[in-house]
Amino acid sequence: MSISSRAHISMLERGLKGVTIEKMIEIAEVMEVHPLTVLLDSFSNYEGVTAERLLNQIAEEIRLIGGREFEAQ
């Protein structure tokens, strides 16, 4: 199943185009990963931090806003 042209995917990878949530979900489905995995990997690379550090930050922020607690592994 083709979700986009190769040219479009290339522009996404190089940061020349944005992506909608719907398109990111389609990409994640093709990759057979959760959409948040794609986001986490992207932010980890963009911010130059480990995925584990970001997961811990997210867990703390969710705790602070009163969300359900979870433990990042």
C-alpha atoms as a PDB file:
ATOM      1  CA  MET A   1       0.000   0.000   0.000  1.00  0.00           C
ATOM      2  CA  SER A   2       1.426   3.350  -1.005  1.00  0.00           C
ATOM      3  CA  ILE A   3       0.793   6.175   1.445  1.00  0.00           C
ATOM      4  CA  SER A   4       2.609   8.880  -0.482  1.00  0.00           C
ATOM      5  CA  SER A   5       4.954   9.455  -3.307  1.00  0.00           C
ATOM      6  CA  ARG A   6       8.652   8.878  -2.702  1.00  0.00           C
ATOM      7  CA  ALA A   7       9.240  12.567  -3.332  1.00  0.00           C
ATOM      8  CA  HIS A   8       6.745  13.518  -0.603  1.00  0.00           C
ATOM      9  CA  ILE A   9       8.264  11.073   1.901  1.00  0.00           C
ATOM     10  CA  SER A  10      11.730  12.426   1.065  1.00  0.00           C
ATOM     11  CA  MET A  11      10.554  15.987   1.759  1.00  0.00           C
ATOM     12  CA  LEU A  12       9.099  14.855   5.092  1.00  0.00           C
ATOM     13  CA  GLU A  13      12.350  13.150   6.055  1.00  0.00           C
ATOM     14  CA  ARG A  14      14.364  16.256   5.226  1.00  0.00           C
ATOM     15  CA  GLY A  15      12.015  18.522   7.148  1.00  0.00           C
ATOM     16  CA  LEU A  16      10.923  20.410   4.038  1.00  0.00           C
ATOM     17  CA  LYS A  17       7.246  19.570   4.537  1.00  0.00           C
ATOM     18  CA  GLY A  18       5.052  19.100   7.557  1.00  0.00           C
ATOM     19  CA  VAL A  19       2.941  16.058   8.229  1.00  0.00           C
ATOM     20  CA  THR A  20      -0.643  15.807   9.393  1.00  0.00           C
ATOM     21  CA  ILE A  21      -1.547  13.548  12.278  1.00  0.00           C
ATOM     22  CA  GLU A  22      -3.540  11.416   9.867  1.00  0.00           C
ATOM     23  CA  LYS A  23      -0.541  10.985   7.546  1.00  0.00           C
ATOM     24  CA  MET A  24       1.745  10.196  10.494  1.00  0.00           C
ATOM     25  CA  ILE A  25      -0.698   7.496  11.601  1.00  0.00           C
ATOM     26  CA  GLU A  26      -0.652   6.024   8.080  1.00  0.00           C
ATOM     27  CA  ILE A  27       3.157   6.038   8.066  1.00  0.00           C
ATOM     28  CA  ALA A  28       3.239   4.328  11.489  1.00  0.00           C
ATOM     29  CA  GLU A  29       0.780   1.681  10.288  1.00  0.00           C
ATOM     30  CA  VAL A  30       2.983   0.904   7.292  1.00  0.00           C
ATOM     31  CA  MET A  31       6.007   0.720   9.619  1.00  0.00           C
ATOM     32  CA  GLU A  32       3.952  -1.478  12.006  1.00  0.00           C
ATOM     33  CA  VAL A  33       4.710   0.721  15.013  1.00  0.00           C
ATOM     34  CA  HIS A  34       2.622   2.926  17.270  1.00  0.00           C
ATOM     35  CA  PRO A  35       2.315   6.523  16.017  1.00  0.00           C
ATOM     36  CA  LEU A  36       3.889   7.772  19.254  1.00  0.00           C
ATOM     37  CA  THR A  37       6.979   5.713  18.441  1.00  0.00           C
ATOM     38  CA  VAL A  38       7.407   7.764  15.283  1.00  0.00           C
ATOM     39  CA  LEU A  39       6.957  11.001  17.231  1.00  0.00           C
ATOM     40  CA  LEU A  40       9.282   9.941  20.030  1.00  0.00           C
ATOM     41  CA  ASP A  41      12.003   8.968  17.573  1.00  0.00           C
ATOM     42  CA  SER A  42      11.568  12.246  15.701  1.00  0.00           C
ATOM     43  CA  PHE A  43      11.739  14.406  18.819  1.00  0.00           C
ATOM     44  CA  SER A  44      14.634  12.388  20.210  1.00  0.00           C
ATOM     45  CA  ASN A  45      16.645  13.048  17.056  1.00  0.00           C
ATOM     46  CA  TYR A  46      15.529  16.694  16.821  1.00  0.00           C
ATOM     47  CA  GLU A  47      16.352  17.510  20.453  1.00  0.00           C
ATOM     48  CA  GLY A  48      19.459  15.337  20.624  1.00  0.00           C
ATOM     49  CA  VAL A  49      18.300  13.419  23.693  1.00  0.00           C
ATOM     50  CA  THR A  50      17.602   9.771  24.325  1.00  0.00           C
ATOM     51  CA  ALA A  51      14.138   8.323  23.945  1.00  0.00           C
ATOM     52  CA  GLU A  52      14.370   7.170  27.567  1.00  0.00           C
ATOM     53  CA  ARG A  53      14.957  10.741  28.755  1.00  0.00           C
ATOM     54  CA  LEU A  54      11.980  11.980  26.758  1.00  0.00           C
ATOM     55  CA  LEU A  55       9.763   9.174  28.102  1.00  0.00           C
ATOM     56  CA  ASN A  56      10.742  10.100  31.652  1.00  0.00           C
ATOM     57  CA  GLN A  57       9.998  13.774  30.955  1.00  0.00           C
ATOM     58  CA  ILE A  58       6.628  12.870  29.444  1.00  0.00           C
ATOM     59  CA  ALA A  59       5.758  10.651  32.423  1.00  0.00           C
ATOM     60  CA  GLU A  60       6.589  13.496  34.823  1.00  0.00           C
ATOM     61  CA  GLU A  61       4.586  16.033  32.814  1.00  0.00           C
ATOM     62  CA  ILE A  62       1.566  13.710  32.717  1.00  0.00           C
ATOM     63  CA  ARG A  63       1.875  13.243  36.479  1.00  0.00           C
ATOM     64  CA  LEU A  64       2.025  17.022  37.008  1.00  0.00           C
ATOM     65  CA  ILE A  65      -1.110  17.689  34.972  1.00  0.00           C
ATOM     66  CA  GLY A  66      -2.989  15.021  36.869  1.00  0.00           C
ATOM     67  CA  GLY A  67      -2.956  12.283  34.268  1.00  0.00           C
ATOM     68  CA  ARG A  68      -2.737   8.579  34.861  1.00  0.00           C
ATOM     69  CA  GLU A  69       0.672   7.543  36.140  1.00  0.00           C
ATOM     70  CA  PHE A  70       2.877   5.190  34.228  1.00  0.00           C
ATOM     71  CA  GLU A  71       6.477   4.149  34.436  1.00  0.00           C
ATOM     72  CA  ALA A  72       8.772   4.641  31.467  1.00  0.00           C
ATOM     73  CA  GLN A  73      10.929   1.584  30.980  1.00  0.00           C
END
